[in-house]
Amino acid sequence: MPLEKHDLAHELPESKETIHTLKTTDQHFAKLFDAYHDIDHEVYRIEQGVETTSDEYLEEQKKKRLSLKDQLYGMIRDYEASMAS
């Protein structure tokens, strides 16, 4: 099975414009987005074998990535709902 990066634009293509808007107008979103991107990149490199670490560390990073993704998705959903009103 090929490994995939889980960047938000790939995961949520229908929200690409919202992601860009929030990255440029919401400091908290931008900070979470950068943290998500950094962890996603690290997990990808570990899974590719470029970096080595313990399985426990990898699982912890995946959990952090999922938590950040959930927070970002919530912010995206809330923004899009407010724009639809």
PDB file of N, CA and C in Angstrom:
ATOM      1  N   MET A   1       0.844  -1.170   0.000  1.00  0.00           N
ATOM      2  CA  MET A   1       0.000   0.000   0.000  1.00  0.00           C
ATOM      3  C   MET A   1       0.894   1.238   0.000  1.00  0.00           C
ATOM      4  N   PRO A   2       0.688   2.143  -0.956  1.00  0.00           N
ATOM      5  CA  PRO A   2       1.520   3.347  -0.989  1.00  0.00           C
ATOM      6  C   PRO A   2       1.190   4.280   0.173  1.00  0.00           C
ATOM      7  N   LEU A   3       2.223   4.935   0.673  1.00  0.00           N
ATOM      8  CA  LEU A   3       2.040   5.887   1.768  1.00  0.00           C
ATOM      9  C   LEU A   3       1.551   7.206   1.200  1.00  0.00           C
ATOM     10  N   GLU A   4       0.702   7.876   1.954  1.00  0.00           N
ATOM     11  CA  GLU A   4       0.164   9.163   1.519  1.00  0.00           C
ATOM     12  C   GLU A   4       0.401  10.207   2.584  1.00  0.00           C
ATOM     13  N   LYS A   5       0.641  11.423   2.104  1.00  0.00           N
ATOM     14  CA  LYS A   5       0.635  12.548   3.026  1.00  0.00           C
ATOM     15  C   LYS A   5      -0.824  12.891   3.283  1.00  0.00           C
ATOM     16  N   HIS A   6      -1.073  13.466   4.426  1.00  0.00           N
ATOM     17  CA  HIS A   6      -2.452  13.780   4.803  1.00  0.00           C
ATOM     18  C   HIS A   6      -2.664  15.292   4.894  1.00  0.00           C
ATOM     19  N   ASP A   7      -2.101  16.036   3.928  1.00  0.00           N
ATOM     20  CA  ASP A   7      -2.269  17.485   3.991  1.00  0.00           C
ATOM     21  C   ASP A   7      -3.745  17.841   3.838  1.00  0.00           C
ATOM     22  N   LEU A   8      -4.125  18.942   4.460  1.00  0.00           N
ATOM     23  CA  LEU A   8      -5.550  19.304   4.513  1.00  0.00           C
ATOM     24  C   LEU A   8      -6.141  19.599   3.144  1.00  0.00           C
ATOM     25  N   ALA A   9      -5.377  20.195   2.257  1.00  0.00           N
ATOM     26  CA  ALA A   9      -5.905  20.497   0.925  1.00  0.00           C
ATOM     27  C   ALA A   9      -6.254  19.197   0.194  1.00  0.00           C
ATOM     28  N   HIS A  10      -5.487  18.150   0.420  1.00  0.00           N
ATOM     29  CA  HIS A  10      -5.759  16.845  -0.189  1.00  0.00           C
ATOM     30  C   HIS A  10      -6.927  16.159   0.512  1.00  0.00           C
ATOM     31  N   GLU A  11      -6.970  16.284   1.828  1.00  0.00           N
ATOM     32  CA  GLU A  11      -8.024  15.642   2.614  1.00  0.00           C
ATOM     33  C   GLU A  11      -9.380  16.338   2.444  1.00  0.00           C
ATOM     34  N   LEU A  12      -9.361  17.662   2.267  1.00  0.00           N
ATOM     35  CA  LEU A  12     -10.601  18.453   2.169  1.00  0.00           C
ATOM     36  C   LEU A  12     -10.567  19.351   0.933  1.00  0.00           C
ATOM     37  N   PRO A  13     -10.532  18.769  -0.267  1.00  0.00           N
ATOM     38  CA  PRO A  13     -10.393  19.592  -1.476  1.00  0.00           C
ATOM     39  C   PRO A  13     -11.528  20.600  -1.666  1.00  0.00           C
ATOM     40  N   GLU A  14     -12.717  20.270  -1.161  1.00  0.00           N
ATOM     41  CA  GLU A  14     -13.852  21.183  -1.303  1.00  0.00           C
ATOM     42  C   GLU A  14     -13.713  22.422  -0.416  1.00  0.00           C
ATOM     43  N   SER A  15     -12.776  22.378   0.529  1.00  0.00           N
ATOM     44  CA  SER A  15     -12.576  23.502   1.460  1.00  0.00           C
ATOM     45  C   SER A  15     -11.250  24.221   1.227  1.00  0.00           C
ATOM     46  N   LYS A  16     -10.664  24.016   0.075  1.00  0.00           N
ATOM     47  CA  LYS A  16      -9.349  24.603  -0.207  1.00  0.00           C
ATOM     48  C   LYS A  16      -9.352  26.131  -0.046  1.00  0.00           C
ATOM     49  N   GLU A  17     -10.374  26.779  -0.550  1.00  0.00           N
ATOM     50  CA  GLU A  17     -10.458  28.246  -0.454  1.00  0.00           C
ATOM     51  C   GLU A  17     -10.624  28.692   1.004  1.00  0.00           C
ATOM     52  N   THR A  18     -11.441  27.977   1.753  1.00  0.00           N
ATOM     53  CA  THR A  18     -11.637  28.283   3.173  1.00  0.00           C
ATOM     54  C   THR A  18     -10.331  28.121   3.938  1.00  0.00           C
ATOM     55  N   ILE A  19      -9.606  27.045   3.660  1.00  0.00           N
ATOM     56  CA  ILE A  19      -8.320  26.810   4.324  1.00  0.00           C
ATOM     57  C   ILE A  19      -7.380  27.978   4.070  1.00  0.00           C
ATOM     58  N   HIS A  20      -7.310  28.411   2.823  1.00  0.00           N
ATOM     59  CA  HIS A  20      -6.437  29.542   2.486  1.00  0.00           C
ATOM     60  C   HIS A  20      -6.874  30.811   3.228  1.00  0.00           C
ATOM     61  N   THR A  21      -8.164  31.072   3.234  1.00  0.00           N
ATOM     62  CA  THR A  21      -8.685  32.264   3.913  1.00  0.00           C
ATOM     63  C   THR A  21      -8.350  32.225   5.403  1.00  0.00           C
ATOM     64  N   LEU A  22      -8.605  31.092   6.039  1.00  0.00           N
ATOM     65  CA  LEU A  22      -8.345  30.988   7.473  1.00  0.00           C
ATOM     66  C   LEU A  22      -6.854  31.069   7.788  1.00  0.00           C
ATOM     67  N   LYS A  23      -6.023  30.499   6.938  1.00  0.00           N
ATOM     68  CA  LYS A  23      -4.568  30.583   7.162  1.00  0.00           C
ATOM     69  C   LYS A  23      -4.086  32.025   7.145  1.00  0.00           C
ATOM     70  N   THR A  24      -4.731  32.849   6.335  1.00  0.00           N
ATOM     71  CA  THR A  24      -4.269  34.231   6.191  1.00  0.00           C
ATOM     72  C   THR A  24      -4.988  35.225   7.103  1.00  0.00           C
ATOM     73  N   THR A  25      -6.108  34.809   7.702  1.00  0.00           N
ATOM     74  CA  THR A  25      -6.862  35.763   8.522  1.00  0.00           C
ATOM     75  C   THR A  25      -7.009  35.360   9.981  1.00  0.00           C
ATOM     76  N   ASP A  26      -6.738  34.100  10.323  1.00  0.00           N
ATOM     77  CA  ASP A  26      -6.938  33.606  11.683  1.00  0.00           C
ATOM     78  C   ASP A  26      -5.615  33.049  12.211  1.00  0.00           C
ATOM     79  N   GLN A  27      -5.022  33.788  13.134  1.00  0.00           N
ATOM     80  CA  GLN A  27      -3.712  33.412  13.671  1.00  0.00           C
ATOM     81  C   GLN A  27      -3.728  32.044  14.352  1.00  0.00           C
ATOM     82  N   HIS A  28      -4.783  31.752  15.092  1.00  0.00           N
ATOM     83  CA  HIS A  28      -4.891  30.468  15.781  1.00  0.00           C
ATOM     84  C   HIS A  28      -4.971  29.321  14.771  1.00  0.00           C
ATOM     85  N   PHE A  29      -5.797  29.503  13.742  1.00  0.00           N
ATOM     86  CA  PHE A  29      -5.897  28.487  12.691  1.00  0.00           C
ATOM     87  C   PHE A  29      -4.538  28.282  12.031  1.00  0.00           C
ATOM     88  N   ALA A  30      -3.850  29.375  11.707  1.00  0.00           N
ATOM     89  CA  ALA A  30      -2.542  29.277  11.042  1.00  0.00           C
ATOM     90  C   ALA A  30      -1.538  28.512  11.899  1.00  0.00           C
ATOM     91  N   LYS A  31      -1.564  28.757  13.212  1.00  0.00           N
ATOM     92  CA  LYS A  31      -0.648  28.054  14.121  1.00  0.00           C
ATOM     93  C   LYS A  31      -0.958  26.556  14.155  1.00  0.00           C
ATOM     94  N   LEU A  32      -2.233  26.217  14.277  1.00  0.00           N
ATOM     95  CA  LEU A  32      -2.633  24.809  14.274  1.00  0.00           C
ATOM     96  C   LEU A  32      -2.315  24.156  12.929  1.00  0.00           C
ATOM     97  N   PHE A  33      -2.548  24.889  11.848  1.00  0.00           N
ATOM     98  CA  PHE A  33      -2.273  24.375  10.504  1.00  0.00           C
ATOM     99  C   PHE A  33      -0.790  24.050  10.354  1.00  0.00           C
ATOM    100  N   ASP A  34       0.073  24.954  10.802  1.00  0.00           N
ATOM    101  CA  ASP A  34       1.518  24.721  10.709  1.00  0.00           C
ATOM    102  C   ASP A  34       1.937  23.523  11.554  1.00  0.00           C
ATOM    103  N   ALA A  35       1.374  23.404  12.753  1.00  0.00           N
ATOM    104  CA  ALA A  35       1.694  22.256  13.615  1.00  0.00           C
ATOM    105  C   ALA A  35       1.236  20.962  12.952  1.00  0.00           C
ATOM    106  N   TYR A  36       0.042  20.970  12.367  1.00  0.00           N
ATOM    107  CA  TYR A  36      -0.479  19.796  11.668  1.00  0.00           C
ATOM    108  C   TYR A  36       0.452  19.414  10.518  1.00  0.00           C
ATOM    109  N   HIS A  37       0.838  20.401   9.723  1.00  0.00           N
ATOM    110  CA  HIS A  37       1.711  20.156   8.575  1.00  0.00           C
ATOM    111  C   HIS A  37       3.053  19.565   9.028  1.00  0.00           C
ATOM    112  N   ASP A  38       3.633  20.113  10.084  1.00  0.00           N
ATOM    113  CA  ASP A  38       4.919  19.616  10.587  1.00  0.00           C
ATOM    114  C   ASP A  38       4.813  18.170  11.055  1.00  0.00           C
ATOM    115  N   ILE A  39       3.765  17.862  11.811  1.00  0.00           N
ATOM    116  CA  ILE A  39       3.593  16.487  12.304  1.00  0.00           C
ATOM    117  C   ILE A  39       3.301  15.546  11.150  1.00  0.00           C
ATOM    118  N   ASP A  40       2.479  15.962  10.206  1.00  0.00           N
ATOM    119  CA  ASP A  40       2.169  15.112   9.054  1.00  0.00           C
ATOM    120  C   ASP A  40       3.439  14.786   8.276  1.00  0.00           C
ATOM    121  N   HIS A  41       4.277  15.787   8.075  1.00  0.00           N
ATOM    122  CA  HIS A  41       5.546  15.588   7.357  1.00  0.00           C
ATOM    123  C   HIS A  41       6.441  14.606   8.120  1.00  0.00           C
ATOM    124  N   GLU A  42       6.512  14.775   9.428  1.00  0.00           N
ATOM    125  CA  GLU A  42       7.341  13.888  10.247  1.00  0.00           C
ATOM    126  C   GLU A  42       6.829  12.444  10.182  1.00  0.00           C
ATOM    127  N   VAL A  43       5.523  12.258  10.316  1.00  0.00           N
ATOM    128  CA  VAL A  43       4.942  10.914  10.258  1.00  0.00           C
ATOM    129  C   VAL A  43       5.233  10.281   8.896  1.00  0.00           C
ATOM    130  N   TYR A  44       5.078  11.045   7.840  1.00  0.00           N
ATOM    131  CA  TYR A  44       5.332  10.538   6.495  1.00  0.00           C
ATOM    132  C   TYR A  44       6.786  10.072   6.363  1.00  0.00           C
ATOM    133  N   ARG A  45       7.724  10.884   6.864  1.00  0.00           N
ATOM    134  CA  ARG A  45       9.145  10.522   6.783  1.00  0.00           C
ATOM    135  C   ARG A  45       9.443   9.268   7.607  1.00  0.00           C
ATOM    136  N   ILE A  46       8.826   9.127   8.755  1.00  0.00           N
ATOM    137  CA  ILE A  46       9.021   7.930   9.579  1.00  0.00           C
ATOM    138  C   ILE A  46       8.473   6.705   8.844  1.00  0.00           C
ATOM    139  N   GLU A  47       7.281   6.838   8.288  1.00  0.00           N
ATOM    140  CA  GLU A  47       6.669   5.715   7.580  1.00  0.00           C
ATOM    141  C   GLU A  47       7.455   5.334   6.329  1.00  0.00           C
ATOM    142  N   GLN A  48       8.126   6.280   5.723  1.00  0.00           N
ATOM    143  CA  GLN A  48       8.950   6.019   4.543  1.00  0.00           C
ATOM    144  C   GLN A  48      10.296   5.388   4.910  1.00  0.00           C
ATOM    145  N   GLY A  49      10.641   5.441   6.190  1.00  0.00           N
ATOM    146  CA  GLY A  49      11.920   4.890   6.625  1.00  0.00           C
ATOM    147  C   GLY A  49      13.060   5.894   6.564  1.00  0.00           C
ATOM    148  N   VAL A  50      12.745   7.158   6.266  1.00  0.00           N
ATOM    149  CA  VAL A  50      13.766   8.206   6.208  1.00  0.00           C
ATOM    150  C   VAL A  50      14.246   8.538   7.615  1.00  0.00           C
ATOM    151  N   GLU A  51      13.322   8.502   8.559  1.00  0.00           N
ATOM    152  CA  GLU A  51      13.632   8.716   9.971  1.00  0.00           C
ATOM    153  C   GLU A  51      13.228   7.460  10.732  1.00  0.00           C
ATOM    154  N   THR A  52      13.968   7.167  11.779  1.00  0.00           N
ATOM    155  CA  THR A  52      13.609   6.008  12.597  1.00  0.00           C
ATOM    156  C   THR A  52      13.263   6.469  14.002  1.00  0.00           C
ATOM    157  N   THR A  53      12.319   5.761  14.585  1.00  0.00           N
ATOM    158  CA  THR A  53      11.862   6.076  15.931  1.00  0.00           C
ATOM    159  C   THR A  53      11.111   4.872  16.477  1.00  0.00           C
ATOM    160  N   SER A  54      10.683   4.970  17.695  1.00  0.00           N
ATOM    161  CA  SER A  54       9.918   3.863  18.283  1.00  0.00           C
ATOM    162  C   SER A  54       8.493   3.861  17.741  1.00  0.00           C
ATOM    163  N   ASP A  55       7.879   2.695  17.794  1.00  0.00           N
ATOM    164  CA  ASP A  55       6.483   2.590  17.378  1.00  0.00           C
ATOM    165  C   ASP A  55       5.586   3.452  18.257  1.00  0.00           C
ATOM    166  N   GLU A  56       5.921   3.529  19.543  1.00  0.00           N
ATOM    167  CA  GLU A  56       5.127   4.329  20.470  1.00  0.00           C
ATOM    168  C   GLU A  56       5.163   5.808  20.085  1.00  0.00           C
ATOM    169  N   TYR A  57       6.342   6.298  19.715  1.00  0.00           N
ATOM    170  CA  TYR A  57       6.469   7.706  19.307  1.00  0.00           C
ATOM    171  C   TYR A  57       5.648   7.963  18.046  1.00  0.00           C
ATOM    172  N   LEU A  58       5.753   7.064  17.077  1.00  0.00           N
ATOM    173  CA  LEU A  58       4.993   7.214  15.834  1.00  0.00           C
ATOM    174  C   LEU A  58       3.496   7.252  16.126  1.00  0.00           C
ATOM    175  N   GLU A  59       3.019   6.354  16.966  1.00  0.00           N
ATOM    176  CA  GLU A  59       1.596   6.329  17.299  1.00  0.00           C
ATOM    177  C   GLU A  59       1.167   7.610  18.006  1.00  0.00           C
ATOM    178  N   GLU A  60       2.021   8.122  18.885  1.00  0.00           N
ATOM    179  CA  GLU A  60       1.718   9.382  19.585  1.00  0.00           C
ATOM    180  C   GLU A  60       1.609  10.537  18.587  1.00  0.00           C
ATOM    181  N   GLN A  61       2.515  10.576  17.617  1.00  0.00           N
ATOM    182  CA  GLN A  61       2.474  11.635  16.604  1.00  0.00           C
ATOM    183  C   GLN A  61       1.215  11.510  15.750  1.00  0.00           C
ATOM    184  N   LYS A  62       0.832  10.302  15.437  1.00  0.00           N
ATOM    185  CA  LYS A  62      -0.399  10.110  14.663  1.00  0.00           C
ATOM    186  C   LYS A  62      -1.619  10.591  15.445  1.00  0.00           C
ATOM    187  N   LYS A  63      -1.626  10.350  16.739  1.00  0.00           N
ATOM    188  CA  LYS A  63      -2.734  10.822  17.582  1.00  0.00           C
ATOM    189  C   LYS A  63      -2.766  12.348  17.621  1.00  0.00           C
ATOM    190  N   LYS A  64      -1.594  12.967  17.738  1.00  0.00           N
ATOM    191  CA  LYS A  64      -1.527  14.438  17.725  1.00  0.00           C
ATOM    192  C   LYS A  64      -2.039  14.976  16.389  1.00  0.00           C
ATOM    193  N   ARG A  65      -1.619  14.318  15.293  1.00  0.00           N
ATOM    194  CA  ARG A  65      -2.052  14.756  13.962  1.00  0.00           C
ATOM    195  C   ARG A  65      -3.567  14.675  13.851  1.00  0.00           C
ATOM    196  N   LEU A  66      -4.148  13.596  14.336  1.00  0.00           N
ATOM    197  CA  LEU A  66      -5.600  13.426  14.274  1.00  0.00           C
ATOM    198  C   LEU A  66      -6.319  14.478  15.116  1.00  0.00           C
ATOM    199  N   SER A  67      -5.786  14.765  16.297  1.00  0.00           N
ATOM    200  CA  SER A  67      -6.385  15.782  17.157  1.00  0.00           C
ATOM    201  C   SER A  67      -6.348  17.153  16.475  1.00  0.00           C
ATOM    202  N   LEU A  68      -5.207  17.496  15.890  1.00  0.00           N
ATOM    203  CA  LEU A  68      -5.095  18.770  15.182  1.00  0.00           C
ATOM    204  C   LEU A  68      -6.043  18.817  13.989  1.00  0.00           C
ATOM    205  N   LYS A  69      -6.146  17.717  13.270  1.00  0.00           N
ATOM    206  CA  LYS A  69      -7.039  17.668  12.112  1.00  0.00           C
ATOM    207  C   LYS A  69      -8.482  17.877  12.548  1.00  0.00           C
ATOM    208  N   ASP A  70      -8.864  17.262  13.658  1.00  0.00           N
ATOM    209  CA  ASP A  70     -10.224  17.443  14.170  1.00  0.00           C
ATOM    210  C   ASP A  70     -10.495  18.903  14.522  1.00  0.00           C
ATOM    211  N   GLN A  71      -9.525  19.543  15.172  1.00  0.00           N
ATOM    212  CA  GLN A  71      -9.687  20.953  15.538  1.00  0.00           C
ATOM    213  C   GLN A  71      -9.790  21.828  14.289  1.00  0.00           C
ATOM    214  N   LEU A  72      -8.913  21.589  13.330  1.00  0.00           N
ATOM    215  CA  LEU A  72      -8.916  22.376  12.097  1.00  0.00           C
ATOM    216  C   LEU A  72     -10.212  22.161  11.320  1.00  0.00           C
ATOM    217  N   TYR A  73     -10.650  20.914  11.240  1.00  0.00           N
ATOM    218  CA  TYR A  73     -11.894  20.624  10.529  1.00  0.00           C
ATOM    219  C   TYR A  73     -13.071  21.341  11.183  1.00  0.00           C
ATOM    220  N   GLY A  74     -13.095  21.352  12.504  1.00  0.00           N
ATOM    221  CA  GLY A  74     -14.152  22.061  13.208  1.00  0.00           C
ATOM    222  C   GLY A  74     -14.152  23.549  12.884  1.00  0.00           C
ATOM    223  N   MET A  75     -12.980  24.136  12.829  1.00  0.00           N
ATOM    224  CA  MET A  75     -12.868  25.559  12.502  1.00  0.00           C
ATOM    225  C   MET A  75     -13.302  25.819  11.060  1.00  0.00           C
ATOM    226  N   ILE A  76     -12.923  24.923  10.156  1.00  0.00           N
ATOM    227  CA  ILE A  76     -13.317  25.056   8.747  1.00  0.00           C
ATOM    228  C   ILE A  76     -14.828  24.946   8.627  1.00  0.00           C
ATOM    229  N   ARG A  77     -15.401  23.934   9.265  1.00  0.00           N
ATOM    230  CA  ARG A  77     -16.854  23.713   9.218  1.00  0.00           C
ATOM    231  C   ARG A  77     -17.594  24.923   9.781  1.00  0.00           C
ATOM    232  N   ASP A  78     -17.132  25.452  10.921  1.00  0.00           N
ATOM    233  CA  ASP A  78     -17.777  26.609  11.529  1.00  0.00           C
ATOM    234  C   ASP A  78     -17.708  27.829  10.623  1.00  0.00           C
ATOM    235  N   TYR A  79     -16.548  28.053  10.009  1.00  0.00           N
ATOM    236  CA  TYR A  79     -16.384  29.197   9.109  1.00  0.00           C
ATOM    237  C   TYR A  79     -17.330  29.061   7.909  1.00  0.00           C
ATOM    238  N   GLU A  80     -17.348  27.874   7.312  1.00  0.00           N
ATOM    239  CA  GLU A  80     -18.199  27.674   6.128  1.00  0.00           C
ATOM    240  C   GLU A  80     -19.672  27.804   6.490  1.00  0.00           C
ATOM    241  N   ALA A  81     -20.060  27.359   7.679  1.00  0.00           N
ATOM    242  CA  ALA A  81     -21.450  27.501   8.112  1.00  0.00           C
ATOM    243  C   ALA A  81     -21.808  28.974   8.307  1.00  0.00           C
ATOM    244  N   SER A  82     -20.863  29.744   8.851  1.00  0.00           N
ATOM    245  CA  SER A  82     -21.127  31.170   9.061  1.00  0.00           C
ATOM    246  C   SER A  82     -21.223  31.919   7.741  1.00  0.00           C
ATOM    247  N   MET A  83     -20.525  31.462   6.732  1.00  0.00           N
ATOM    248  CA  MET A  83     -20.575  32.107   5.414  1.00  0.00           C
ATOM    249  C   MET A  83     -21.855  31.741   4.650  1.00  0.00           C
ATOM    250  N   ALA A  84     -22.417  30.595   4.977  1.00  0.00           N
ATOM    251  CA  ALA A  84     -23.642  30.144   4.315  1.00  0.00           C
ATOM    252  C   ALA A  84     -24.881  30.829   4.875  1.00  0.00           C
ATOM    253  N   SER A  85     -24.750  31.408   6.066  1.00  0.00           N
ATOM    254  CA  SER A  85     -25.906  32.050   6.719  1.00  0.00           C
ATOM    255  C   SER A  85     -26.264  33.367   6.089  1.00  0.00           C
TER     256      SER A  85
END
